[in-house]
Amino acid sequence: MAVTTENAAAAVQNWLTGNVTGGREVAEDYPLIENGVLTSLQTVELVTFLEDRFDIMVDDDEFDEENFGSVAAIAGLVASKTS
């Protein structure tokens, strides 16, 4: 199955609700880093999940708020790496 921003966003949402937010969903455009939802350690754990789940590699220079600032941004990054 091709990776789309929609199914990447769903996978990120599922990971966040299971590992970070205690079951609470966040809006796709909610600022995750700015609002303290994702810590640096959780971001590394999320990257590990994304790399395993989507068979991608996230480069060190991609670890920034532009790529990890929201569910939508993360999904866009994943989709761009799988196209």
PDB file of N, CA and C in Angstrom:
ATOM      1  N   MET A   1       0.843  -1.183   0.000  1.00  0.00           N
ATOM      2  CA  MET A   1       0.000   0.000   0.000  1.00  0.00           C
ATOM      3  C   MET A   1       0.886   1.244   0.000  1.00  0.00           C
ATOM      4  N   ALA A   2       0.538   2.177  -0.854  1.00  0.00           N
ATOM      5  CA  ALA A   2       1.291   3.427  -0.933  1.00  0.00           C
ATOM      6  C   ALA A   2       1.058   4.265   0.327  1.00  0.00           C
ATOM      7  N   VAL A   3       2.102   4.949   0.723  1.00  0.00           N
ATOM      8  CA  VAL A   3       2.000   5.815   1.899  1.00  0.00           C
ATOM      9  C   VAL A   3       1.486   7.175   1.452  1.00  0.00           C
ATOM     10  N   THR A   4       0.407   7.603   2.071  1.00  0.00           N
ATOM     11  CA  THR A   4      -0.147   8.930   1.819  1.00  0.00           C
ATOM     12  C   THR A   4      -0.015   9.747   3.099  1.00  0.00           C
ATOM     13  N   THR A   5      -0.197  11.043   2.970  1.00  0.00           N
ATOM     14  CA  THR A   5      -0.156  11.862   4.179  1.00  0.00           C
ATOM     15  C   THR A   5      -1.265  11.442   5.133  1.00  0.00           C
ATOM     16  N   GLU A   6      -2.390  10.957   4.594  1.00  0.00           N
ATOM     17  CA  GLU A   6      -3.505  10.560   5.451  1.00  0.00           C
ATOM     18  C   GLU A   6      -3.166   9.322   6.282  1.00  0.00           C
ATOM     19  N   ASN A   7      -2.600   8.279   5.643  1.00  0.00           N
ATOM     20  CA  ASN A   7      -2.307   7.092   6.453  1.00  0.00           C
ATOM     21  C   ASN A   7      -1.067   7.301   7.313  1.00  0.00           C
ATOM     22  N   ALA A   8      -0.146   8.161   6.890  1.00  0.00           N
ATOM     23  CA  ALA A   8       0.980   8.509   7.758  1.00  0.00           C
ATOM     24  C   ALA A   8       0.477   9.277   8.978  1.00  0.00           C
ATOM     25  N   ALA A   9      -0.450  10.212   8.766  1.00  0.00           N
ATOM     26  CA  ALA A   9      -1.016  10.985   9.883  1.00  0.00           C
ATOM     27  C   ALA A   9      -1.755  10.069  10.844  1.00  0.00           C
ATOM     28  N   ALA A  10      -2.472   9.090  10.319  1.00  0.00           N
ATOM     29  CA  ALA A  10      -3.192   8.145  11.178  1.00  0.00           C
ATOM     30  C   ALA A  10      -2.212   7.335  12.027  1.00  0.00           C
ATOM     31  N   ALA A  11      -1.106   6.909  11.440  1.00  0.00           N
ATOM     32  CA  ALA A  11      -0.106   6.148  12.191  1.00  0.00           C
ATOM     33  C   ALA A  11       0.530   7.015  13.274  1.00  0.00           C
ATOM     34  N   VAL A  12       0.835   8.269  12.947  1.00  0.00           N
ATOM     35  CA  VAL A  12       1.406   9.188  13.939  1.00  0.00           C
ATOM     36  C   VAL A  12       0.409   9.433  15.064  1.00  0.00           C
ATOM     37  N   GLN A  13      -0.852   9.676  14.704  1.00  0.00           N
ATOM     38  CA  GLN A  13      -1.899   9.891  15.720  1.00  0.00           C
ATOM     39  C   GLN A  13      -1.997   8.687  16.647  1.00  0.00           C
ATOM     40  N   ASN A  14      -2.007   7.491  16.068  1.00  0.00           N
ATOM     41  CA  ASN A  14      -2.105   6.273  16.879  1.00  0.00           C
ATOM     42  C   ASN A  14      -0.917   6.158  17.822  1.00  0.00           C
ATOM     43  N   TRP A  15       0.285   6.462  17.320  1.00  0.00           N
ATOM     44  CA  TRP A  15       1.473   6.390  18.162  1.00  0.00           C
ATOM     45  C   TRP A  15       1.390   7.415  19.288  1.00  0.00           C
ATOM     46  N   LEU A  16       0.991   8.637  18.955  1.00  0.00           N
ATOM     47  CA  LEU A  16       0.882   9.682  19.978  1.00  0.00           C
ATOM     48  C   LEU A  16      -0.126   9.306  21.058  1.00  0.00           C
ATOM     49  N   THR A  17      -1.295   8.821  20.656  1.00  0.00           N
ATOM     50  CA  THR A  17      -2.319   8.490  21.655  1.00  0.00           C
ATOM     51  C   THR A  17      -1.892   7.319  22.521  1.00  0.00           C
ATOM     52  N   GLY A  18      -1.128   6.395  21.963  1.00  0.00           N
ATOM     53  CA  GLY A  18      -0.676   5.243  22.733  1.00  0.00           C
ATOM     54  C   GLY A  18       0.558   5.486  23.574  1.00  0.00           C
ATOM     55  N   ASN A  19       1.362   6.495  23.218  1.00  0.00           N
ATOM     56  CA  ASN A  19       2.656   6.671  23.872  1.00  0.00           C
ATOM     57  C   ASN A  19       2.877   8.030  24.534  1.00  0.00           C
ATOM     58  N   VAL A  20       2.071   9.021  24.189  1.00  0.00           N
ATOM     59  CA  VAL A  20       2.373  10.372  24.662  1.00  0.00           C
ATOM     60  C   VAL A  20       1.193  11.053  25.348  1.00  0.00           C
ATOM     61  N   THR A  21       0.039  11.007  24.731  1.00  0.00           N
ATOM     62  CA  THR A  21      -1.075  11.849  25.190  1.00  0.00           C
ATOM     63  C   THR A  21      -2.067  11.149  26.104  1.00  0.00           C
ATOM     64  N   GLY A  22      -1.797   9.919  26.458  1.00  0.00           N
ATOM     65  CA  GLY A  22      -2.719   9.207  27.340  1.00  0.00           C
ATOM     66  C   GLY A  22      -4.077   8.945  26.719  1.00  0.00           C
ATOM     67  N   GLY A  23      -4.087   8.679  25.423  1.00  0.00           N
ATOM     68  CA  GLY A  23      -5.335   8.360  24.733  1.00  0.00           C
ATOM     69  C   GLY A  23      -6.040   9.547  24.122  1.00  0.00           C
ATOM     70  N   ARG A  24      -5.546  10.741  24.358  1.00  0.00           N
ATOM     71  CA  ARG A  24      -6.179  11.949  23.816  1.00  0.00           C
ATOM     72  C   ARG A  24      -5.615  12.256  22.430  1.00  0.00           C
ATOM     73  N   GLU A  25      -6.501  12.416  21.448  1.00  0.00           N
ATOM     74  CA  GLU A  25      -6.052  12.803  20.117  1.00  0.00           C
ATOM     75  C   GLU A  25      -5.780  14.291  20.075  1.00  0.00           C
ATOM     76  N   VAL A  26      -4.860  14.678  19.207  1.00  0.00           N
ATOM     77  CA  VAL A  26      -4.566  16.096  18.997  1.00  0.00           C
ATOM     78  C   VAL A  26      -4.885  16.427  17.543  1.00  0.00           C
ATOM     79  N   ALA A  27      -5.245  17.661  17.301  1.00  0.00           N
ATOM     80  CA  ALA A  27      -5.534  18.102  15.936  1.00  0.00           C
ATOM     81  C   ALA A  27      -4.276  17.990  15.088  1.00  0.00           C
ATOM     82  N   GLU A  28      -4.453  17.747  13.797  1.00  0.00           N
ATOM     83  CA  GLU A  28      -3.302  17.569  12.913  1.00  0.00           C
ATOM     84  C   GLU A  28      -2.407  18.794  12.852  1.00  0.00           C
ATOM     85  N   ASP A  29      -2.956  19.971  13.114  1.00  0.00           N
ATOM     86  CA  ASP A  29      -2.148  21.193  13.041  1.00  0.00           C
ATOM     87  C   ASP A  29      -1.743  21.714  14.423  1.00  0.00           C
ATOM     88  N   TYR A  30      -2.009  20.942  15.470  1.00  0.00           N
ATOM     89  CA  TYR A  30      -1.669  21.362  16.837  1.00  0.00           C
ATOM     90  C   TYR A  30      -0.154  21.377  17.006  1.00  0.00           C
ATOM     91  N   PRO A  31       0.412  22.466  17.518  1.00  0.00           N
ATOM     92  CA  PRO A  31       1.864  22.572  17.684  1.00  0.00           C
ATOM     93  C   PRO A  31       2.399  21.645  18.782  1.00  0.00           C
ATOM     94  N   LEU A  32       2.935  20.514  18.385  1.00  0.00           N
ATOM     95  CA  LEU A  32       3.360  19.479  19.330  1.00  0.00           C
ATOM     96  C   LEU A  32       4.568  19.885  20.156  1.00  0.00           C
ATOM     97  N   ILE A  33       5.565  20.443  19.528  1.00  0.00           N
ATOM     98  CA  ILE A  33       6.785  20.824  20.245  1.00  0.00           C
ATOM     99  C   ILE A  33       6.564  22.124  20.996  1.00  0.00           C
ATOM    100  N   GLU A  34       5.994  23.095  20.320  1.00  0.00           N
ATOM    101  CA  GLU A  34       5.752  24.412  20.921  1.00  0.00           C
ATOM    102  C   GLU A  34       4.915  24.319  22.187  1.00  0.00           C
ATOM    103  N   ASN A  35       3.955  23.391  22.209  1.00  0.00           N
ATOM    104  CA  ASN A  35       3.070  23.242  23.363  1.00  0.00           C
ATOM    105  C   ASN A  35       3.531  22.152  24.332  1.00  0.00           C
ATOM    106  N   GLY A  36       4.724  21.624  24.130  1.00  0.00           N
ATOM    107  CA  GLY A  36       5.282  20.662  25.071  1.00  0.00           C
ATOM    108  C   GLY A  36       4.687  19.269  25.020  1.00  0.00           C
ATOM    109  N   VAL A  37       3.995  18.931  23.932  1.00  0.00           N
ATOM    110  CA  VAL A  37       3.429  17.587  23.829  1.00  0.00           C
ATOM    111  C   VAL A  37       4.537  16.575  23.581  1.00  0.00           C
ATOM    112  N   LEU A  38       5.474  16.903  22.710  1.00  0.00           N
ATOM    113  CA  LEU A  38       6.593  16.018  22.402  1.00  0.00           C
ATOM    114  C   LEU A  38       7.868  16.535  23.044  1.00  0.00           C
ATOM    115  N   THR A  39       8.505  15.696  23.840  1.00  0.00           N
ATOM    116  CA  THR A  39       9.830  16.022  24.373  1.00  0.00           C
ATOM    117  C   THR A  39      10.871  15.563  23.351  1.00  0.00           C
ATOM    118  N   SER A  40      12.107  15.905  23.589  1.00  0.00           N
ATOM    119  CA  SER A  40      13.157  15.474  22.664  1.00  0.00           C
ATOM    120  C   SER A  40      13.282  13.946  22.653  1.00  0.00           C
ATOM    121  N   LEU A  41      13.175  13.314  23.808  1.00  0.00           N
ATOM    122  CA  LEU A  41      13.248  11.856  23.868  1.00  0.00           C
ATOM    123  C   LEU A  41      12.074  11.220  23.125  1.00  0.00           C
ATOM    124  N   GLN A  42      10.882  11.755  23.311  1.00  0.00           N
ATOM    125  CA  GLN A  42       9.719  11.216  22.609  1.00  0.00           C
ATOM    126  C   GLN A  42       9.841  11.408  21.099  1.00  0.00           C
ATOM    127  N   THR A  43      10.469  12.497  20.687  1.00  0.00           N
ATOM    128  CA  THR A  43      10.677  12.718  19.259  1.00  0.00           C
ATOM    129  C   THR A  43      11.602  11.647  18.686  1.00  0.00           C
ATOM    130  N   VAL A  44      12.647  11.298  19.418  1.00  0.00           N
ATOM    131  CA  VAL A  44      13.552  10.233  18.986  1.00  0.00           C
ATOM    132  C   VAL A  44      12.797   8.901  18.926  1.00  0.00           C
ATOM    133  N   GLU A  45      11.970   8.621  19.922  1.00  0.00           N
ATOM    134  CA  GLU A  45      11.170   7.393  19.919  1.00  0.00           C
ATOM    135  C   GLU A  45      10.200   7.372  18.739  1.00  0.00           C
ATOM    136  N   LEU A  46       9.603   8.524  18.443  1.00  0.00           N
ATOM    137  CA  LEU A  46       8.694   8.622  17.302  1.00  0.00           C
ATOM    138  C   LEU A  46       9.445   8.363  16.001  1.00  0.00           C
ATOM    139  N   VAL A  47      10.642   8.914  15.868  1.00  0.00           N
ATOM    140  CA  VAL A  47      11.436   8.695  14.654  1.00  0.00           C
ATOM    141  C   VAL A  47      11.750   7.207  14.498  1.00  0.00           C
ATOM    142  N   THR A  48      12.109   6.554  15.578  1.00  0.00           N
ATOM    143  CA  THR A  48      12.376   5.116  15.526  1.00  0.00           C
ATOM    144  C   THR A  48      11.138   4.367  15.036  1.00  0.00           C
ATOM    145  N   PHE A  49       9.976   4.725  15.566  1.00  0.00           N
ATOM    146  CA  PHE A  49       8.722   4.114  15.120  1.00  0.00           C
ATOM    147  C   PHE A  49       8.503   4.361  13.631  1.00  0.00           C
ATOM    148  N   LEU A  50       8.674   5.604  13.189  1.00  0.00           N
ATOM    149  CA  LEU A  50       8.440   5.945  11.782  1.00  0.00           C
ATOM    150  C   LEU A  50       9.394   5.206  10.856  1.00  0.00           C
ATOM    151  N   GLU A  51      10.658   5.125  11.264  1.00  0.00           N
ATOM    152  CA  GLU A  51      11.646   4.427  10.441  1.00  0.00           C
ATOM    153  C   GLU A  51      11.296   2.946  10.312  1.00  0.00           C
ATOM    154  N   ASP A  52      10.864   2.333  11.407  1.00  0.00           N
ATOM    155  CA  ASP A  52      10.476   0.920  11.373  1.00  0.00           C
ATOM    156  C   ASP A  52       9.178   0.707  10.607  1.00  0.00           C
ATOM    157  N   ARG A  53       8.203   1.536  10.872  1.00  0.00           N
ATOM    158  CA  ARG A  53       6.864   1.365  10.289  1.00  0.00           C
ATOM    159  C   ARG A  53       6.843   1.627   8.787  1.00  0.00           C
ATOM    160  N   PHE A  54       7.575   2.656   8.355  1.00  0.00           N
ATOM    161  CA  PHE A  54       7.505   3.070   6.957  1.00  0.00           C
ATOM    162  C   PHE A  54       8.782   2.767   6.173  1.00  0.00           C
ATOM    163  N   ASP A  55       9.755   2.116   6.815  1.00  0.00           N
ATOM    164  CA  ASP A  55      11.006   1.752   6.168  1.00  0.00           C
ATOM    165  C   ASP A  55      11.677   2.978   5.533  1.00  0.00           C
ATOM    166  N   ILE A  56      11.852   4.016   6.353  1.00  0.00           N
ATOM    167  CA  ILE A  56      12.500   5.249   5.922  1.00  0.00           C
ATOM    168  C   ILE A  56      13.661   5.549   6.854  1.00  0.00           C
ATOM    169  N   MET A  57      14.472   6.515   6.469  1.00  0.00           N
ATOM    170  CA  MET A  57      15.541   7.024   7.333  1.00  0.00           C
ATOM    171  C   MET A  57      15.323   8.527   7.487  1.00  0.00           C
ATOM    172  N   VAL A  58      15.283   8.986   8.716  1.00  0.00           N
ATOM    173  CA  VAL A  58      15.179  10.413   8.999  1.00  0.00           C
ATOM    174  C   VAL A  58      16.585  10.909   9.306  1.00  0.00           C
ATOM    175  N   ASP A  59      17.040  11.860   8.509  1.00  0.00           N
ATOM    176  CA  ASP A  59      18.388  12.407   8.674  1.00  0.00           C
ATOM    177  C   ASP A  59      18.438  13.349   9.865  1.00  0.00           C
ATOM    178  N   ASP A  60      19.631  13.475  10.448  1.00  0.00           N
ATOM    179  CA  ASP A  60      19.813  14.350  11.606  1.00  0.00           C
ATOM    180  C   ASP A  60      19.357  15.778  11.331  1.00  0.00           C
ATOM    181  N   ASP A  61      19.612  16.280  10.132  1.00  0.00           N
ATOM    182  CA  ASP A  61      19.233  17.657   9.828  1.00  0.00           C
ATOM    183  C   ASP A  61      17.719  17.832   9.642  1.00  0.00           C
ATOM    184  N   GLU A  62      16.973  16.737   9.651  1.00  0.00           N
ATOM    185  CA  GLU A  62      15.514  16.812   9.547  1.00  0.00           C
ATOM    186  C   GLU A  62      14.836  16.868  10.915  1.00  0.00           C
ATOM    187  N   PHE A  63      15.615  16.700  11.973  1.00  0.00           N
ATOM    188  CA  PHE A  63      15.087  16.787  13.334  1.00  0.00           C
ATOM    189  C   PHE A  63      14.890  18.254  13.695  1.00  0.00           C
ATOM    190  N   ASP A  64      13.802  18.840  13.248  1.00  0.00           N
ATOM    191  CA  ASP A  64      13.536  20.233  13.579  1.00  0.00           C
ATOM    192  C   ASP A  64      12.038  20.445  13.713  1.00  0.00           C
ATOM    193  N   GLU A  65      11.698  21.618  14.203  1.00  0.00           N
ATOM    194  CA  GLU A  65      10.288  21.917  14.445  1.00  0.00           C
ATOM    195  C   GLU A  65       9.482  21.999  13.161  1.00  0.00           C
ATOM    196  N   GLU A  66      10.146  22.331  12.069  1.00  0.00           N
ATOM    197  CA  GLU A  66       9.443  22.386  10.786  1.00  0.00           C
ATOM    198  C   GLU A  66       8.896  21.006  10.409  1.00  0.00           C
ATOM    199  N   ASN A  67       9.670  19.957  10.656  1.00  0.00           N
ATOM    200  CA  ASN A  67       9.266  18.592  10.303  1.00  0.00           C
ATOM    201  C   ASN A  67       8.504  17.865  11.400  1.00  0.00           C
ATOM    202  N   PHE A  68       8.686  18.282  12.659  1.00  0.00           N
ATOM    203  CA  PHE A  68       8.067  17.577  13.771  1.00  0.00           C
ATOM    204  C   PHE A  68       7.165  18.468  14.613  1.00  0.00           C
ATOM    205  N   GLY A  69       6.772  19.602  14.072  1.00  0.00           N
ATOM    206  CA  GLY A  69       5.969  20.556  14.816  1.00  0.00           C
ATOM    207  C   GLY A  69       4.507  20.188  14.942  1.00  0.00           C
ATOM    208  N   SER A  70       4.011  19.315  14.075  1.00  0.00           N
ATOM    209  CA  SER A  70       2.600  18.923  14.120  1.00  0.00           C
ATOM    210  C   SER A  70       2.448  17.552  13.471  1.00  0.00           C
ATOM    211  N   VAL A  71       1.303  16.939  13.680  1.00  0.00           N
ATOM    212  CA  VAL A  71       1.011  15.651  13.037  1.00  0.00           C
ATOM    213  C   VAL A  71       1.077  15.821  11.529  1.00  0.00           C
ATOM    214  N   ALA A  72       0.512  16.915  11.009  1.00  0.00           N
ATOM    215  CA  ALA A  72       0.510  17.155   9.565  1.00  0.00           C
ATOM    216  C   ALA A  72       1.929  17.281   9.021  1.00  0.00           C
ATOM    217  N   ALA A  73       2.815  17.973   9.749  1.00  0.00           N
ATOM    218  CA  ALA A  73       4.195  18.137   9.299  1.00  0.00           C
ATOM    219  C   ALA A  73       4.919  16.792   9.285  1.00  0.00           C
ATOM    220  N   ILE A  74       4.715  15.995  10.315  1.00  0.00           N
ATOM    221  CA  ILE A  74       5.351  14.676  10.384  1.00  0.00           C
ATOM    222  C   ILE A  74       4.855  13.793   9.245  1.00  0.00           C
ATOM    223  N   ALA A  75       3.554  13.803   9.011  1.00  0.00           N
ATOM    224  CA  ALA A  75       2.973  13.011   7.932  1.00  0.00           C
ATOM    225  C   ALA A  75       3.515  13.449   6.578  1.00  0.00           C
ATOM    226  N   GLY A  76       3.688  14.737   6.393  1.00  0.00           N
ATOM    227  CA  GLY A  76       4.255  15.243   5.153  1.00  0.00           C
ATOM    228  C   GLY A  76       5.685  14.778   4.950  1.00  0.00           C
ATOM    229  N   LEU A  77       6.463  14.781   6.023  1.00  0.00           N
ATOM    230  CA  LEU A  77       7.837  14.298   5.959  1.00  0.00           C
ATOM    231  C   LEU A  77       7.863  12.820   5.563  1.00  0.00           C
ATOM    232  N   VAL A  78       7.049  12.023   6.220  1.00  0.00           N
ATOM    233  CA  VAL A  78       6.997  10.587   5.928  1.00  0.00           C
ATOM    234  C   VAL A  78       6.579  10.354   4.481  1.00  0.00           C
ATOM    235  N   ALA A  79       5.534  11.030   4.044  1.00  0.00           N
ATOM    236  CA  ALA A  79       5.046  10.844   2.673  1.00  0.00           C
ATOM    237  C   ALA A  79       6.108  11.252   1.660  1.00  0.00           C
ATOM    238  N   SER A  80       6.852  12.321   1.937  1.00  0.00           N
ATOM    239  CA  SER A  80       7.881  12.771   1.000  1.00  0.00           C
ATOM    240  C   SER A  80       9.031  11.760   0.906  1.00  0.00           C
ATOM    241  N   LYS A  81       9.291  11.025   1.978  1.00  0.00           N
ATOM    242  CA  LYS A  81      10.387  10.057   1.993  1.00  0.00           C
ATOM    243  C   LYS A  81       9.981   8.724   1.397  1.00  0.00           C
ATOM    244  N   THR A  82       8.712   8.500   1.188  1.00  0.00           N
ATOM    245  CA  THR A  82       8.266   7.221   0.650  1.00  0.00           C
ATOM    246  C   THR A  82       7.786   7.332  -0.791  1.00  0.00           C
ATOM    247  N   SER A  83       7.810   8.533  -1.333  1.00  0.00           N
ATOM    248  CA  SER A  83       7.309   8.688  -2.711  1.00  0.00           C
ATOM    249  C   SER A  83       8.367   8.391  -3.741  1.00  0.00           C
TER     250      SER A  83
END
